[in-house]
Amino acid sequence: MRKNYTAVYRKDGKWYLAEVLEVPGVFTQGRTLREARANIREALRLMLEAEEEFPALPTCGKEVLRETLTLAG
């Protein structure tokens, strides 16, 4: 099954930064746009494989604990 995702690229100095909007935590970089494109595909593939192996905790219809975490900067 194929699914479409949105990759966003931004040039920052000598690097291209990339992220996938639909999957939090999927981001990477590359020295060229071509390299960033290849890297983001690999990062997405790895994240989706990890989600299959370790699915997120179910929250629908179950009691869950949510809290805000604050990190000192």
PDB file of N, CA and C in Angstrom:
ATOM      1  N   MET A   1       0.833  -1.175   0.000  1.00  0.00           N
ATOM      2  CA  MET A   1       0.000   0.000   0.000  1.00  0.00           C
ATOM      3  C   MET A   1       0.884   1.247   0.000  1.00  0.00           C
ATOM      4  N   ARG A   2       0.563   2.181  -0.843  1.00  0.00           N
ATOM      5  CA  ARG A   2       1.318   3.433  -0.929  1.00  0.00           C
ATOM      6  C   ARG A   2       0.612   4.515  -0.132  1.00  0.00           C
ATOM      7  N   LYS A   3       1.387   5.368   0.485  1.00  0.00           N
ATOM      8  CA  LYS A   3       0.846   6.509   1.200  1.00  0.00           C
ATOM      9  C   LYS A   3       1.747   7.703   0.904  1.00  0.00           C
ATOM     10  N   ASN A   4       1.156   8.852   0.740  1.00  0.00           N
ATOM     11  CA  ASN A   4       1.929  10.063   0.462  1.00  0.00           C
ATOM     12  C   ASN A   4       2.235  10.812   1.746  1.00  0.00           C
ATOM     13  N   TYR A   5       3.422  11.378   1.807  1.00  0.00           N
ATOM     14  CA  TYR A   5       3.865  12.188   2.931  1.00  0.00           C
ATOM     15  C   TYR A   5       4.400  13.504   2.378  1.00  0.00           C
ATOM     16  N   THR A   6       4.439  14.518   3.224  1.00  0.00           N
ATOM     17  CA  THR A   6       4.931  15.830   2.816  1.00  0.00           C
ATOM     18  C   THR A   6       6.314  16.067   3.407  1.00  0.00           C
ATOM     19  N   ALA A   7       7.302  16.190   2.536  1.00  0.00           N
ATOM     20  CA  ALA A   7       8.656  16.521   2.968  1.00  0.00           C
ATOM     21  C   ALA A   7       8.862  18.018   2.771  1.00  0.00           C
ATOM     22  N   VAL A   8       9.471  18.646   3.757  1.00  0.00           N
ATOM     23  CA  VAL A   8       9.758  20.082   3.696  1.00  0.00           C
ATOM     24  C   VAL A   8      11.274  20.244   3.787  1.00  0.00           C
ATOM     25  N   TYR A   9      11.820  21.061   2.900  1.00  0.00           N
ATOM     26  CA  TYR A   9      13.268  21.296   2.851  1.00  0.00           C
ATOM     27  C   TYR A   9      13.550  22.775   3.066  1.00  0.00           C
ATOM     28  N   ARG A  10      14.635  23.048   3.793  1.00  0.00           N
ATOM     29  CA  ARG A  10      15.034  24.431   4.030  1.00  0.00           C
ATOM     30  C   ARG A  10      16.555  24.483   4.016  1.00  0.00           C
ATOM     31  N   LYS A  11      17.092  25.469   3.311  1.00  0.00           N
ATOM     32  CA  LYS A  11      18.550  25.636   3.279  1.00  0.00           C
ATOM     33  C   LYS A  11      18.964  26.478   4.479  1.00  0.00           C
ATOM     34  N   ASP A  12      19.956  25.984   5.201  1.00  0.00           N
ATOM     35  CA  ASP A  12      20.472  26.687   6.378  1.00  0.00           C
ATOM     36  C   ASP A  12      21.992  26.665   6.282  1.00  0.00           C
ATOM     37  N   GLY A  13      22.551  27.763   5.828  1.00  0.00           N
ATOM     38  CA  GLY A  13      23.994  27.804   5.597  1.00  0.00           C
ATOM     39  C   GLY A  13      24.367  26.860   4.473  1.00  0.00           C
ATOM     40  N   LYS A  14      25.268  25.914   4.774  1.00  0.00           N
ATOM     41  CA  LYS A  14      25.716  24.955   3.755  1.00  0.00           C
ATOM     42  C   LYS A  14      24.881  23.679   3.746  1.00  0.00           C
ATOM     43  N   TRP A  15      23.870  23.591   4.595  1.00  0.00           N
ATOM     44  CA  TRP A  15      23.085  22.368   4.753  1.00  0.00           C
ATOM     45  C   TRP A  15      21.646  22.562   4.295  1.00  0.00           C
ATOM     46  N   TYR A  16      21.057  21.470   3.830  1.00  0.00           N
ATOM     47  CA  TYR A  16      19.619  21.409   3.573  1.00  0.00           C
ATOM     48  C   TYR A  16      19.002  20.604   4.708  1.00  0.00           C
ATOM     49  N   LEU A  17      18.041  21.187   5.404  1.00  0.00           N
ATOM     50  CA  LEU A  17      17.330  20.518   6.486  1.00  0.00           C
ATOM     51  C   LEU A  17      16.028  19.980   5.930  1.00  0.00           C
ATOM     52  N   ALA A  18      15.631  18.809   6.380  1.00  0.00           N
ATOM     53  CA  ALA A  18      14.417  18.175   5.857  1.00  0.00           C
ATOM     54  C   ALA A  18      13.618  17.565   6.995  1.00  0.00           C
ATOM     55  N   GLU A  19      12.285  17.616   6.861  1.00  0.00           N
ATOM     56  CA  GLU A  19      11.413  16.942   7.819  1.00  0.00           C
ATOM     57  C   GLU A  19      10.153  16.477   7.114  1.00  0.00           C
ATOM     58  N   VAL A  20       9.500  15.493   7.709  1.00  0.00           N
ATOM     59  CA  VAL A  20       8.222  14.984   7.205  1.00  0.00           C
ATOM     60  C   VAL A  20       7.138  15.496   8.133  1.00  0.00           C
ATOM     61  N   LEU A  21       6.193  16.254   7.589  1.00  0.00           N
ATOM     62  CA  LEU A  21       5.188  16.910   8.411  1.00  0.00           C
ATOM     63  C   LEU A  21       4.240  15.940   9.112  1.00  0.00           C
ATOM     64  N   GLU A  22       3.881  14.861   8.462  1.00  0.00           N
ATOM     65  CA  GLU A  22       2.881  13.956   9.008  1.00  0.00           C
ATOM     66  C   GLU A  22       3.400  13.016  10.089  1.00  0.00           C
ATOM     67  N   VAL A  23       4.713  12.895  10.214  1.00  0.00           N
ATOM     68  CA  VAL A  23       5.291  11.956  11.182  1.00  0.00           C
ATOM     69  C   VAL A  23       6.289  12.709  12.068  1.00  0.00           C
ATOM     70  N   PRO A  24       5.859  13.105  13.264  1.00  0.00           N
ATOM     71  CA  PRO A  24       6.769  13.837  14.150  1.00  0.00           C
ATOM     72  C   PRO A  24       8.046  13.048  14.420  1.00  0.00           C
ATOM     73  N   GLY A  25       9.149  13.743  14.429  1.00  0.00           N
ATOM     74  CA  GLY A  25      10.431  13.117  14.713  1.00  0.00           C
ATOM     75  C   GLY A  25      11.194  12.646  13.503  1.00  0.00           C
ATOM     76  N   VAL A  26      10.610  12.784  12.315  1.00  0.00           N
ATOM     77  CA  VAL A  26      11.325  12.388  11.109  1.00  0.00           C
ATOM     78  C   VAL A  26      11.950  13.635  10.506  1.00  0.00           C
ATOM     79  N   PHE A  27      13.240  13.785  10.734  1.00  0.00           N
ATOM     80  CA  PHE A  27      13.968  14.915  10.184  1.00  0.00           C
ATOM     81  C   PHE A  27      15.411  14.512   9.975  1.00  0.00           C
ATOM     82  N   THR A  28      16.090  15.231   9.082  1.00  0.00           N
ATOM     83  CA  THR A  28      17.477  14.917   8.746  1.00  0.00           C
ATOM     84  C   THR A  28      18.091  16.120   8.052  1.00  0.00           C
ATOM     85  N   GLN A  29      19.268  15.935   7.491  1.00  0.00           N
ATOM     86  CA  GLN A  29      19.932  17.005   6.750  1.00  0.00           C
ATOM     87  C   GLN A  29      20.802  16.405   5.665  1.00  0.00           C
ATOM     88  N   GLY A  30      21.270  17.235   4.786  1.00  0.00           N
ATOM     89  CA  GLY A  30      22.187  16.804   3.743  1.00  0.00           C
ATOM     90  C   GLY A  30      22.964  18.003   3.226  1.00  0.00           C
ATOM     91  N   ARG A  31      24.129  17.753   2.696  1.00  0.00           N
ATOM     92  CA  ARG A  31      24.939  18.853   2.142  1.00  0.00           C
ATOM     93  C   ARG A  31      24.349  19.369   0.839  1.00  0.00           C
ATOM     94  N   THR A  32      23.604  18.511   0.141  1.00  0.00           N
ATOM     95  CA  THR A  32      22.927  18.913  -1.097  1.00  0.00           C
ATOM     96  C   THR A  32      21.447  18.567  -0.954  1.00  0.00           C
ATOM     97  N   LEU A  33      20.622  19.171  -1.794  1.00  0.00           N
ATOM     98  CA  LEU A  33      19.204  18.848  -1.783  1.00  0.00           C
ATOM     99  C   LEU A  33      18.998  17.371  -2.133  1.00  0.00           C
ATOM    100  N   ARG A  34      19.769  16.887  -3.052  1.00  0.00           N
ATOM    101  CA  ARG A  34      19.675  15.471  -3.431  1.00  0.00           C
ATOM    102  C   ARG A  34      19.967  14.557  -2.248  1.00  0.00           C
ATOM    103  N   GLU A  35      21.020  14.882  -1.495  1.00  0.00           N
ATOM    104  CA  GLU A  35      21.377  14.087  -0.319  1.00  0.00           C
ATOM    105  C   GLU A  35      20.291  14.192   0.754  1.00  0.00           C
ATOM    106  N   ALA A  36      19.755  15.386   0.969  1.00  0.00           N
ATOM    107  CA  ALA A  36      18.680  15.561   1.951  1.00  0.00           C
ATOM    108  C   ALA A  36      17.447  14.749   1.556  1.00  0.00           C
ATOM    109  N   ARG A  37      17.125  14.725   0.271  1.00  0.00           N
ATOM    110  CA  ARG A  37      15.976  13.936  -0.209  1.00  0.00           C
ATOM    111  C   ARG A  37      16.189  12.442   0.057  1.00  0.00           C
ATOM    112  N   ALA A  38      17.376  11.954  -0.217  1.00  0.00           N
ATOM    113  CA  ALA A  38      17.664  10.537   0.039  1.00  0.00           C
ATOM    114  C   ALA A  38      17.614  10.248   1.539  1.00  0.00           C
ATOM    115  N   ASN A  39      18.170  11.150   2.331  1.00  0.00           N
ATOM    116  CA  ASN A  39      18.204  10.954   3.780  1.00  0.00           C
ATOM    117  C   ASN A  39      16.811  10.972   4.399  1.00  0.00           C
ATOM    118  N   ILE A  40      15.920  11.850   3.910  1.00  0.00           N
ATOM    119  CA  ILE A  40      14.588  11.930   4.508  1.00  0.00           C
ATOM    120  C   ILE A  40      13.776  10.692   4.154  1.00  0.00           C
ATOM    121  N   ARG A  41      13.966  10.146   2.967  1.00  0.00           N
ATOM    122  CA  ARG A  41      13.285   8.894   2.610  1.00  0.00           C
ATOM    123  C   ARG A  41      13.723   7.761   3.539  1.00  0.00           C
ATOM    124  N   GLU A  42      15.018   7.689   3.790  1.00  0.00           N
ATOM    125  CA  GLU A  42      15.554   6.656   4.683  1.00  0.00           C
ATOM    126  C   GLU A  42      15.062   6.861   6.114  1.00  0.00           C
ATOM    127  N   ALA A  43      15.064   8.093   6.590  1.00  0.00           N
ATOM    128  CA  ALA A  43      14.584   8.380   7.945  1.00  0.00           C
ATOM    129  C   ALA A  43      13.112   7.998   8.086  1.00  0.00           C
ATOM    130  N   LEU A  44      12.295   8.322   7.100  1.00  0.00           N
ATOM    131  CA  LEU A  44      10.872   7.966   7.133  1.00  0.00           C
ATOM    132  C   LEU A  44      10.701   6.453   7.121  1.00  0.00           C
ATOM    133  N   ARG A  45      11.431   5.771   6.251  1.00  0.00           N
ATOM    134  CA  ARG A  45      11.336   4.318   6.180  1.00  0.00           C
ATOM    135  C   ARG A  45      11.688   3.673   7.522  1.00  0.00           C
ATOM    136  N   LEU A  46      12.761   4.150   8.150  1.00  0.00           N
ATOM    137  CA  LEU A  46      13.177   3.601   9.441  1.00  0.00           C
ATOM    138  C   LEU A  46      12.149   3.878  10.533  1.00  0.00           C
ATOM    139  N   MET A  47      11.575   5.074  10.546  1.00  0.00           N
ATOM    140  CA  MET A  47      10.568   5.402  11.550  1.00  0.00           C
ATOM    141  C   MET A  47       9.330   4.537  11.386  1.00  0.00           C
ATOM    142  N   LEU A  48       8.877   4.346  10.154  1.00  0.00           N
ATOM    143  CA  LEU A  48       7.692   3.519   9.917  1.00  0.00           C
ATOM    144  C   LEU A  48       7.949   2.064  10.294  1.00  0.00           C
ATOM    145  N   GLU A  49       9.150   1.570  10.029  1.00  0.00           N
ATOM    146  CA  GLU A  49       9.506   0.214  10.457  1.00  0.00           C
ATOM    147  C   GLU A  49       9.493   0.103  11.976  1.00  0.00           C
ATOM    148  N   ALA A  50      10.027   1.101  12.653  1.00  0.00           N
ATOM    149  CA  ALA A  50      10.052   1.093  14.119  1.00  0.00           C
ATOM    150  C   ALA A  50       8.637   1.145  14.685  1.00  0.00           C
ATOM    151  N   GLU A  51       7.758   1.922  14.071  1.00  0.00           N
ATOM    152  CA  GLU A  51       6.376   2.005  14.543  1.00  0.00           C
ATOM    153  C   GLU A  51       5.658   0.671  14.380  1.00  0.00           C
ATOM    154  N   GLU A  52       5.982  -0.078  13.336  1.00  0.00           N
ATOM    155  CA  GLU A  52       5.392  -1.408  13.168  1.00  0.00           C
ATOM    156  C   GLU A  52       5.864  -2.351  14.253  1.00  0.00           C
ATOM    157  N   GLU A  53       7.145  -2.278  14.581  1.00  0.00           N
ATOM    158  CA  GLU A  53       7.719  -3.176  15.572  1.00  0.00           C
ATOM    159  C   GLU A  53       7.342  -2.773  16.992  1.00  0.00           C
ATOM    160  N   PHE A  54       7.253  -1.480  17.241  1.00  0.00           N
ATOM    161  CA  PHE A  54       6.934  -0.969  18.574  1.00  0.00           C
ATOM    162  C   PHE A  54       5.792   0.037  18.455  1.00  0.00           C
ATOM    163  N   PRO A  55       4.562  -0.431  18.324  1.00  0.00           N
ATOM    164  CA  PRO A  55       3.441   0.500  18.125  1.00  0.00           C
ATOM    165  C   PRO A  55       3.271   1.433  19.320  1.00  0.00           C
ATOM    166  N   ALA A  56       2.709   2.600  19.025  1.00  0.00           N
ATOM    167  CA  ALA A  56       2.444   3.587  20.078  1.00  0.00           C
ATOM    168  C   ALA A  56       1.428   3.022  21.055  1.00  0.00           C
ATOM    169  N   LEU A  57       1.471   3.535  22.267  1.00  0.00           N
ATOM    170  CA  LEU A  57       0.493   3.106  23.262  1.00  0.00           C
ATOM    171  C   LEU A  57      -0.904   3.509  22.829  1.00  0.00           C
ATOM    172  N   PRO A  58      -1.878   2.598  22.917  1.00  0.00           N
ATOM    173  CA  PRO A  58      -3.243   2.970  22.542  1.00  0.00           C
ATOM    174  C   PRO A  58      -3.818   3.972  23.531  1.00  0.00           C
ATOM    175  N   THR A  59      -4.502   4.981  23.027  1.00  0.00           N
ATOM    176  CA  THR A  59      -5.100   5.986  23.902  1.00  0.00           C
ATOM    177  C   THR A  59      -6.605   6.066  23.743  1.00  0.00           C
ATOM    178  N   CYS A  60      -7.119   5.501  22.689  1.00  0.00           N
ATOM    179  CA  CYS A  60      -8.547   5.592  22.408  1.00  0.00           C
ATOM    180  C   CYS A  60      -9.325   4.713  23.381  1.00  0.00           C
ATOM    181  N   GLY A  61     -10.223   5.319  24.154  1.00  0.00           N
ATOM    182  CA  GLY A  61     -11.075   4.560  25.047  1.00  0.00           C
ATOM    183  C   GLY A  61     -10.380   4.057  26.298  1.00  0.00           C
ATOM    184  N   LYS A  62      -9.166   4.473  26.533  1.00  0.00           N
ATOM    185  CA  LYS A  62      -8.426   4.029  27.711  1.00  0.00           C
ATOM    186  C   LYS A  62      -7.964   5.247  28.501  1.00  0.00           C
ATOM    187  N   GLU A  63      -7.790   5.050  29.771  1.00  0.00           N
ATOM    188  CA  GLU A  63      -7.287   6.132  30.606  1.00  0.00           C
ATOM    189  C   GLU A  63      -5.775   6.234  30.418  1.00  0.00           C
ATOM    190  N   VAL A  64      -5.313   7.433  30.115  1.00  0.00           N
ATOM    191  CA  VAL A  64      -3.887   7.653  29.929  1.00  0.00           C
ATOM    192  C   VAL A  64      -3.447   8.829  30.788  1.00  0.00           C
ATOM    193  N   LEU A  65      -2.201   8.865  31.103  1.00  0.00           N
ATOM    194  CA  LEU A  65      -1.612   9.961  31.861  1.00  0.00           C
ATOM    195  C   LEU A  65      -0.823  10.819  30.911  1.00  0.00           C
ATOM    196  N   ARG A  66      -1.143  12.102  30.872  1.00  0.00           N
ATOM    197  CA  ARG A  66      -0.403  13.055  30.049  1.00  0.00           C
ATOM    198  C   ARG A  66       0.168  14.120  30.985  1.00  0.00           C
ATOM    199  N   GLU A  67       1.386  14.525  30.718  1.00  0.00           N
ATOM    200  CA  GLU A  67       1.988  15.580  31.525  1.00  0.00           C
ATOM    201  C   GLU A  67       2.904  16.427  30.663  1.00  0.00           C
ATOM    202  N   THR A  68       3.106  17.642  31.092  1.00  0.00           N
ATOM    203  CA  THR A  68       4.021  18.551  30.416  1.00  0.00           C
ATOM    204  C   THR A  68       5.409  18.367  31.003  1.00  0.00           C
ATOM    205  N   LEU A  69       6.389  18.221  30.149  1.00  0.00           N
ATOM    206  CA  LEU A  69       7.779  18.115  30.588  1.00  0.00           C
ATOM    207  C   LEU A  69       8.492  19.408  30.283  1.00  0.00           C
ATOM    208  N   THR A  70       9.170  19.956  31.268  1.00  0.00           N
ATOM    209  CA  THR A  70       9.917  21.191  31.098  1.00  0.00           C
ATOM    210  C   THR A  70      11.401  20.892  31.234  1.00  0.00           C
ATOM    211  N   LEU A  71      12.162  21.337  30.261  1.00  0.00           N
ATOM    212  CA  LEU A  71      13.611  21.145  30.281  1.00  0.00           C
ATOM    213  C   LEU A  71      14.297  22.477  30.503  1.00  0.00           C
ATOM    214  N   ALA A  72      15.280  22.480  31.369  1.00  0.00           N
ATOM    215  CA  ALA A  72      16.055  23.693  31.600  1.00  0.00           C
ATOM    216  C   ALA A  72      16.956  23.916  30.394  1.00  0.00           C
ATOM    217  N   GLY A  73      17.034  25.155  29.932  1.00  0.00           N
ATOM    218  CA  GLY A  73      17.782  25.456  28.734  1.00  0.00           C
ATOM    219  C   GLY A  73      19.143  25.861  29.036  1.00  0.00           C
TER     220      GLY A  73
END
